[in-house]
């Protein structure tokens, strides 16, 4: 299978490092204004305005590998534009991910290593799920979400489109998350949310004590 990756940033480089072992990546493409050289990862980097002439949609498929810019809107826009050019899409699911018979992963998704997705769950198009994440049974993850490492989503949750989940954030059982929610790292959601909301937990407290002294102090409290 011949693949073209949209992107020339850190996300594209990470995705390429994974998928090149399973798929034949033939080049990269980005918007014309983002090109300052003609190659990326030692492969051709083609202006998006001309990509279909060098990499025909009849032969090549595409994968959009950009971050959560504008609450994932950029990734969805490029997905729609590439589809308009006639491209079909692949999804990358790491070999370590067990795929149940009733689990559905749509096109243009990226799911990295050691992700657990339980039976009955669907993942919408253009969603990115990073390593060591757990998604419970019978969840519906809408399109264009960004789910970072260590996220835990309990069973029977409904996740809207375009959301961002920070590292180690979590969602309780049978919760509805609105569209384009920003849920910061280490944040627990236990109630339904509305569209375009932000949830942020307190940052770690800085104690004015050196680490070795703190260890002695904490041991004395036991």
Protein backbone atom coordinates (compact mmCIF):
# COMPACT_ATOMS: atom_id res chain seq x y z
CA UNK A 1 0.00 0.00 0.00
CA UNK A 2 1.49 3.32 -1.12
CA UNK A 3 0.95 6.20 1.30
CA UNK A 4 1.37 9.99 1.26
CA UNK A 5 1.49 11.74 4.64
CA UNK A 6 0.14 15.26 5.03
CA UNK A 7 2.46 17.10 7.42
CA UNK A 8 6.09 18.12 7.91
CA UNK A 9 6.30 18.72 11.65
CA UNK A 10 6.95 16.67 14.76
CA UNK A 11 3.66 14.78 14.42
CA UNK A 12 4.44 13.75 10.85
CA UNK A 13 7.92 12.60 11.84
CA UNK A 14 6.58 10.48 14.72
CA UNK A 15 3.87 8.92 12.56
CA UNK A 16 6.36 8.15 9.79
CA UNK A 17 8.66 6.43 12.28
CA UNK A 18 5.79 4.11 13.20
CA UNK A 19 4.06 3.38 9.91
CA UNK A 20 7.10 2.94 7.66
CA UNK A 21 7.46 -0.57 9.08
CA UNK A 22 3.96 -1.55 7.86
CA UNK A 23 3.25 0.70 4.89
CA UNK A 24 5.17 2.09 1.94
CA UNK A 25 5.44 5.83 2.60
CA UNK A 26 6.35 7.52 -0.68
CA UNK A 27 6.34 11.19 0.27
CA UNK A 28 4.90 14.07 2.26
CA UNK A 29 2.73 17.04 1.38
CA UNK A 30 1.80 20.31 3.10
CA UNK A 31 0.34 23.65 2.09
CA UNK A 32 2.55 25.54 -0.32
CA UNK A 33 3.25 28.30 2.22
CA UNK A 34 4.68 25.73 4.69
CA UNK A 35 7.37 24.41 2.36
CA UNK A 36 10.94 25.65 2.84
CA UNK A 37 12.68 22.60 1.38
CA UNK A 38 11.81 19.87 -1.13
CA UNK A 39 12.19 16.85 1.15
CA UNK A 40 11.24 15.63 4.62
CA UNK A 41 12.57 12.51 6.33
CA UNK A 42 14.59 11.99 3.13
CA UNK A 43 11.41 11.67 1.06
CA UNK A 44 9.86 14.15 -1.41
CA UNK A 45 7.87 17.03 0.10
CA UNK A 46 5.24 18.18 -2.40
CA UNK A 47 3.04 21.30 -2.35
CA UNK A 48 -0.51 20.29 -1.47
CA UNK A 49 -1.84 22.32 -4.40
CA UNK A 50 -0.05 19.94 -6.80
CA UNK A 51 0.11 16.67 -4.87
CA UNK A 52 -2.50 14.86 -6.98
CA UNK A 53 -0.38 15.39 -10.13
CA UNK A 54 2.71 13.72 -8.69
CA UNK A 55 0.98 11.21 -6.41
CA UNK A 56 -2.25 10.24 -8.12
CA UNK A 57 -5.25 9.44 -5.88
CA UNK A 58 -5.79 6.38 -8.11
CA UNK A 59 -2.53 4.88 -6.79
CA UNK A 60 -1.74 6.53 -3.45
CA UNK A 61 -3.73 6.86 -0.24
CA UNK A 62 -3.27 9.57 2.37
CA UNK A 63 -2.92 9.98 6.12
CA UNK A 64 -3.23 13.41 7.78
CA UNK A 65 -0.56 13.82 10.47
CA UNK A 66 -0.93 17.22 12.11
CA UNK A 67 -1.49 18.18 15.75
CA UNK A 68 -4.44 19.71 17.56
CA UNK A 69 -4.14 23.14 15.89
CA UNK A 70 -7.34 25.22 16.34
CA UNK A 71 -8.89 22.43 18.45
CA UNK A 72 -8.25 19.86 15.72
CA UNK A 73 -9.98 21.89 13.01
CA UNK A 74 -6.89 22.01 10.78
CA UNK A 75 -6.67 18.21 10.68
CA UNK A 76 -10.35 17.94 9.75
CA UNK A 77 -10.06 20.66 7.10
CA UNK A 78 -7.11 18.93 5.41
CA UNK A 79 -8.96 15.62 5.56
CA UNK A 80 -11.92 17.19 3.75
CA UNK A 81 -9.68 18.93 1.19
CA UNK A 82 -7.75 15.74 0.41
CA UNK A 83 -11.04 13.86 0.06
CA UNK A 84 -12.19 16.52 -2.41
CA UNK A 85 -9.02 15.83 -4.45
CA UNK A 86 -10.14 12.20 -4.68
CA UNK A 87 -7.89 10.60 -2.06
CA UNK A 88 -8.87 7.64 0.04
CA UNK A 89 -7.40 7.31 3.53
CA UNK A 90 -5.71 4.73 5.67
CA UNK A 91 -5.73 4.36 9.42
CA UNK A 92 -2.68 3.26 11.36
CA UNK A 93 -3.31 0.97 14.31
CA UNK A 94 -0.23 -0.38 16.08
CA UNK A 95 0.12 -4.16 16.16
CA UNK A 96 -0.10 -4.14 19.97
CA UNK A 97 -3.73 -2.92 19.86
CA UNK A 98 -6.23 -5.78 20.16
CA UNK A 99 -9.10 -5.20 17.73
CA UNK A 100 -12.39 -6.72 18.89
CA UNK A 101 -14.92 -7.86 16.31
CA UNK A 102 -17.45 -5.17 17.29
CA UNK A 103 -14.93 -2.35 17.58
CA UNK A 104 -15.01 0.19 14.73
CA UNK A 105 -12.13 2.48 13.79
CA UNK A 106 -12.87 4.91 10.97
CA UNK A 107 -10.44 6.13 8.31
CA UNK A 108 -7.56 8.56 8.83
CA UNK A 109 -7.06 7.55 12.47
CA UNK A 110 -3.70 7.10 14.21
CA UNK A 111 -3.59 4.76 17.20
CA UNK A 112 -0.18 4.18 18.73
CA UNK A 113 1.23 1.37 20.85
CA UNK A 114 -0.39 -0.29 23.87
CA UNK A 115 -3.78 1.36 23.54
CA UNK A 116 -6.70 -0.64 24.97
CA UNK A 117 -10.04 -0.10 23.25
CA UNK A 118 -12.79 -2.27 24.70
CA UNK A 119 -15.60 -4.04 22.78
CA UNK A 120 -18.45 -2.04 21.30
CA UNK A 121 -16.49 1.19 20.95
CA UNK A 122 -16.33 3.31 17.78
CA UNK A 123 -13.61 5.82 16.91
CA UNK A 124 -14.47 8.55 14.39
CA UNK A 125 -12.30 9.62 11.48
CA UNK A 126 -9.15 11.70 11.92
CA UNK A 127 -8.74 10.85 15.60
CA UNK A 128 -5.30 10.52 17.20
CA UNK A 129 -4.82 8.27 20.24
CA UNK A 130 -1.38 8.18 21.83
CA UNK A 131 0.36 5.34 23.67
CA UNK A 132 -0.84 3.64 26.87
CA UNK A 133 -4.42 4.85 26.74
CA UNK A 134 -7.55 3.01 27.90
CA UNK A 135 -11.00 3.48 26.37
CA UNK A 136 -13.86 1.51 27.94
CA UNK A 137 -16.65 -0.52 26.38
CA UNK A 138 -19.44 0.91 24.24
CA UNK A 139 -17.97 4.38 23.90
CA UNK A 140 -18.62 6.60 20.90
CA UNK A 141 -15.59 8.77 20.10
CA UNK A 142 -16.59 11.31 17.44
CA UNK A 143 -14.24 12.54 14.71
CA UNK A 144 -11.07 14.63 14.94
CA UNK A 145 -10.22 14.09 18.59
CA UNK A 146 -6.76 14.24 20.17
CA UNK A 147 -6.26 11.79 23.05
CA UNK A 148 -2.87 11.93 24.76
CA UNK A 149 -0.88 9.23 26.54
CA UNK A 150 -2.28 7.79 29.75
CA UNK A 151 -5.85 8.98 29.19
CA UNK A 152 -8.57 6.77 30.72
CA UNK A 153 -12.15 6.96 29.43
CA UNK A 154 -14.62 4.71 31.24
CA UNK A 155 -17.39 2.73 29.58
CA UNK A 156 -20.47 4.03 27.75
CA UNK A 157 -19.09 7.56 27.24
CA UNK A 158 -20.05 9.84 24.36
CA UNK A 159 -17.17 12.06 23.24
CA UNK A 160 -17.94 14.94 20.89
CA UNK A 161 -15.76 16.00 17.96
CA UNK A 162 -12.56 18.04 18.10
CA UNK A 163 -11.74 17.48 21.78
CA UNK A 164 -8.30 17.57 23.39
CA UNK A 165 -7.44 15.26 26.28
CA UNK A 166 -4.20 16.06 28.11
CA UNK A 167 -1.81 13.46 29.49
CA UNK A 168 -3.36 11.29 32.24
CA UNK A 169 -6.76 12.98 32.10
CA UNK A 170 -9.79 10.76 32.71
CA UNK A 171 -13.56 10.56 32.21
CA UNK A 172 -15.99 8.71 34.47
CA UNK A 173 -18.54 6.11 33.38
CA UNK A 174 -21.50 7.07 31.15
CA UNK A 175 -20.42 10.69 30.65
CA UNK A 176 -21.23 12.90 27.64
CA UNK A 177 -18.41 15.25 26.56
CA UNK A 178 -19.37 18.17 24.32
CA UNK A 179 -17.61 19.18 21.11
CA UNK A 180 -14.19 20.86 21.24
CA UNK A 181 -13.64 20.47 24.96
CA UNK A 182 -10.13 21.13 26.26
CA UNK A 183 -9.46 18.75 29.14
CA UNK A 184 -6.04 19.45 30.59
CA UNK A 185 -3.51 16.98 31.96
CA UNK A 186 -4.44 15.08 35.16
CA UNK A 187 -8.03 16.34 35.03
CA UNK A 188 -10.96 14.09 36.00
CA UNK A 189 -14.38 14.68 34.42
CA UNK A 190 -17.32 13.24 36.40
CA UNK A 191 -20.25 15.21 34.92
CA UNK A 192 -21.54 15.89 31.41
CA UNK A 193 -19.99 18.87 29.63
CA UNK A 194 -21.19 21.35 27.02
CA UNK A 195 -19.49 22.41 23.78
CA UNK A 196 -16.29 24.50 23.82
CA UNK A 197 -15.57 24.14 27.53
CA UNK A 198 -12.20 24.07 29.31
CA UNK A 199 -11.35 21.92 32.34
CA UNK A 200 -8.07 22.53 34.12
CA UNK A 201 -6.76 20.94 37.32
CA UNK A 202 -4.39 22.69 39.69
CA UNK A 203 -0.73 22.33 38.82
CA UNK A 204 1.70 20.52 41.12
CA UNK A 205 2.57 22.46 44.27
CA UNK A 206 6.15 23.69 44.55
CA UNK A 207 7.48 23.20 48.08
CA UNK A 208 10.34 25.42 49.20
CA UNK A 209 12.36 22.47 50.38
CA UNK A 210 15.15 20.49 48.72
CA UNK A 211 14.26 16.96 47.65
CA UNK A 212 16.64 15.15 50.04
CA UNK A 213 15.40 17.16 53.00
CA UNK A 214 11.80 16.47 51.99
CA UNK A 215 12.44 12.73 52.01
CA UNK A 216 13.78 12.92 55.54
CA UNK A 217 10.87 15.13 56.59
CA UNK A 218 8.21 12.89 55.04
CA UNK A 219 9.77 9.80 56.63
CA UNK A 220 9.58 11.47 60.04
CA UNK A 221 5.83 11.92 59.62
CA UNK A 222 5.17 8.19 59.26
